[in-house]
Every structure is written in structure tokens, then in C-alpha cells.
Amino acid sequence: MSGPGVELPPSDPRLLILRHLRPPAFLLLCVGILNAFFCAVMAVALALHAHMPWEDPATGTRAAGATPTLPLIAILAFSAIWSALTIQGALNTMRLRGYGLAVVGAIGAMVPPAITCTVGLPIGIWMLVVLNRPGVKSAFNAK
């Protein structure tokens, strides 16, 4: 079986489990990378003082009740951390290592501060369903 992750011989009983895990793990990896990309673009936009939708274009001042920059930076930092956990969880799933981090990665794709949570929600649910199948946890522990 080609692709990222561990290569198992055809006689290995974990091969069937890995075949079930790879599609949602790959999509989870894509969601994590996409979220990290959006976080980086937004951070660059904030650093360059790009015009934000809540600012008045004529004066450049923030409208009353608009989103302040500091909470936005905190949300971006939180989202970037979650995207890193999502990416690491997807990579661990493809390598059949770290069951706990694989679960955290699946949950991380579904967290609302993640910019890609609408895409990550069905993928994260799919990953959790596959991770909770019988024999999957033991495949992570087997060497």
C-alpha cells in the first residue's frame, strides 16, 4: 500500500485497519494544513495592518462594537495550536502510533475556533468512528 505512514507487509493483520484509517487521516491532515494556512494568512494580514471588515475604510478606525485585535490574535493562536495537534494526530494515525493523539487530532478538527471547523466536523466524526472500531486501539499498540 503506497502513501504516507507505515508500510505493512500483506500478511500483517493491521493492514485492514490501516486501510480504514488512511482516508480519514489524510483528510484530517488536509484540514489541519488548511487551518494552519488560514491562520498564517490572517496573522500576516494583522501584522501588515491590512484593512479589516470591521474598520471604517475612510478613517481606518474600528467601528463601535467591532471585533478588537487582541481577542482575534488569541483566537488565531488557539486555532494554530489546534491545527498543529490535528496535523500531528493525522500523522500519528497514518503511522499507527499514539492513539490518544489521534483522538485529540480528530477532536481538534471539530473545535469551533478552528477556521475550517465546518469542513473538519464530518471528517473528525468519521475519524472518531473509525478509531472506535474494534481492534483499532490494539493495532496502535502492536509493534
Protein backbone atom coordinates (compact mmCIF):
# COMPACT_ATOMS: atom_id res chain seq x y z
CA MET A 1 0.00 0.00 0.00
CA SER A 2 1.55 3.28 -1.03
CA GLY A 3 1.15 6.61 0.67
CA PRO A 4 2.31 8.32 3.81
CA GLY A 5 2.71 6.39 7.00
CA VAL A 6 3.85 2.95 7.96
CA GLU A 7 4.31 0.30 5.28
CA LEU A 8 2.98 -3.06 6.40
CA PRO A 9 3.57 -6.41 4.72
CA PRO A 10 0.47 -8.03 3.18
CA SER A 11 0.47 -10.70 5.89
CA ASP A 12 0.18 -8.16 8.75
CA PRO A 13 -3.28 -8.26 10.40
CA ARG A 14 -3.13 -4.47 10.96
CA LEU A 15 -3.22 -3.82 7.20
CA LEU A 16 -7.02 -3.92 7.02
CA ILE A 17 -7.29 -1.47 9.93
CA LEU A 18 -4.74 0.83 8.29
CA ARG A 19 -6.75 0.77 5.06
CA HIS A 20 -9.78 2.01 7.02
CA LEU A 21 -7.75 4.66 8.85
CA ARG A 22 -5.83 6.23 5.97
CA PRO A 23 -8.67 8.07 4.13
CA PRO A 24 -9.98 9.99 7.16
CA ALA A 25 -6.41 10.53 8.40
CA PHE A 26 -5.40 12.04 5.06
CA LEU A 27 -8.43 14.33 5.03
CA LEU A 28 -7.72 15.27 8.65
CA LEU A 29 -4.18 16.17 7.61
CA CYS A 30 -5.58 18.35 4.81
CA VAL A 31 -7.93 20.11 7.25
CA GLY A 32 -5.07 20.77 9.68
CA ILE A 33 -2.82 22.15 6.95
CA LEU A 34 -5.62 24.31 5.55
CA ASN A 35 -6.38 25.68 9.01
CA ALA A 36 -2.69 26.43 9.62
CA PHE A 37 -2.54 28.20 6.25
CA PHE A 38 -5.55 30.36 7.10
CA CYS A 39 -4.03 31.20 10.48
CA ALA A 40 -0.77 32.25 8.81
CA VAL A 41 -2.57 34.40 6.23
CA MET A 42 -4.64 36.10 8.92
CA ALA A 43 -1.56 36.68 11.09
CA VAL A 44 0.26 38.27 8.14
CA ALA A 45 -2.79 40.44 7.41
CA LEU A 46 -2.86 41.60 11.03
CA ALA A 47 0.89 42.23 11.05
CA LEU A 48 0.69 44.30 7.87
CA HIS A 49 -2.27 46.25 9.25
CA ALA A 50 -4.44 45.21 6.34
CA HIS A 51 -7.93 46.67 6.18
CA MET A 52 -10.26 44.54 8.27
CA PRO A 53 -14.01 44.28 7.60
CA TRP A 54 -14.90 45.88 10.93
CA GLU A 55 -12.85 49.04 10.24
CA ASP A 56 -14.18 52.18 8.62
CA PRO A 57 -12.38 52.41 5.24
CA ALA A 58 -12.39 56.20 5.27
CA THR A 59 -10.82 56.74 8.67
CA GLY A 60 -9.24 53.35 9.37
CA THR A 61 -10.79 53.31 12.83
CA ARG A 62 -12.71 50.48 14.33
CA ALA A 63 -16.48 50.73 14.31
CA ALA A 64 -18.32 50.65 17.62
CA GLY A 65 -18.85 47.07 18.81
CA ALA A 66 -16.37 45.68 16.29
CA THR A 67 -14.03 42.79 16.96
CA PRO A 68 -10.89 44.02 18.74
CA THR A 69 -7.50 42.84 17.58
CA LEU A 70 -6.23 41.25 20.82
CA PRO A 71 -9.02 38.64 21.11
CA LEU A 72 -8.56 37.90 17.40
CA ILE A 73 -4.86 37.22 17.99
CA ALA A 74 -5.76 34.92 20.90
CA ILE A 75 -8.24 33.01 18.74
CA LEU A 76 -5.64 32.74 15.96
CA ALA A 77 -3.04 31.41 18.41
CA PHE A 78 -5.52 28.87 19.80
CA SER A 79 -6.51 27.84 16.28
CA ALA A 80 -2.86 27.47 15.25
CA ILE A 81 -2.17 25.22 18.25
CA TRP A 82 -5.22 23.10 17.41
CA SER A 83 -4.17 22.83 13.78
CA ALA A 84 -0.74 21.59 14.89
CA LEU A 85 -2.43 18.98 17.09
CA THR A 86 -4.70 18.00 14.20
CA ILE A 87 -1.74 17.58 11.85
CA GLN A 88 0.24 15.57 14.40
CA GLY A 89 -2.80 13.41 15.18
CA ALA A 90 -3.31 12.66 11.48
CA LEU A 91 0.36 11.77 11.02
CA ASN A 92 0.28 9.53 14.11
CA THR A 93 -2.81 7.79 12.75
CA MET A 94 -1.07 7.08 9.45
CA ARG A 95 1.88 5.61 11.38
CA LEU A 96 -0.33 3.68 13.85
CA ARG A 97 1.34 5.46 16.78
CA GLY A 98 -0.18 7.45 19.62
CA TYR A 99 -3.87 6.52 19.78
CA GLY A 100 -4.58 9.33 22.24
CA LEU A 101 -3.07 11.99 20.00
CA ALA A 102 -5.02 10.57 17.06
CA VAL A 103 -8.24 11.11 19.03
CA VAL A 104 -7.14 14.63 20.04
CA GLY A 105 -6.38 15.39 16.38
CA ALA A 106 -9.85 14.28 15.33
CA ILE A 107 -11.44 16.42 18.03
CA GLY A 108 -9.17 19.33 17.11
CA ALA A 109 -10.60 19.46 13.60
CA MET A 110 -14.08 19.93 15.06
CA VAL A 111 -13.32 22.75 17.53
CA PRO A 112 -15.21 25.96 16.61
CA PRO A 113 -12.21 28.38 16.84
CA ALA A 114 -10.60 26.34 14.06
CA ILE A 115 -11.35 28.26 10.87
CA THR A 116 -12.01 25.03 8.99
CA CYS A 117 -14.34 23.52 11.60
CA THR A 118 -17.26 23.28 9.14
CA VAL A 119 -15.17 21.02 6.91
CA GLY A 120 -13.43 19.37 9.85
CA LEU A 121 -16.63 18.38 11.65
CA PRO A 122 -17.68 15.50 9.34
CA ILE A 123 -14.07 14.39 8.88
CA GLY A 124 -13.43 14.46 12.63
CA ILE A 125 -16.59 12.45 13.28
CA TRP A 126 -15.58 9.93 10.60
CA MET A 127 -12.13 9.62 12.17
CA LEU A 128 -13.60 9.10 15.66
CA VAL A 129 -15.98 6.44 14.33
CA VAL A 130 -13.10 4.58 12.66
CA LEU A 131 -10.86 4.98 15.74
CA ASN A 132 -13.57 3.45 17.95
CA ARG A 133 -13.97 0.32 15.82
CA PRO A 134 -12.99 -2.96 17.48
CA GLY A 135 -9.32 -3.80 17.13
CA VAL A 136 -8.16 -0.31 16.14
CA LYS A 137 -6.76 0.62 19.56
CA SER A 138 -4.87 -2.67 19.75
CA ALA A 139 -3.42 -2.02 16.26
CA PHE A 140 -1.91 1.20 17.61
CA ASN A 141 -0.29 -0.66 20.49
CA ALA A 142 1.09 -3.55 18.39
CA LYS A 143 4.68 -3.33 17.18
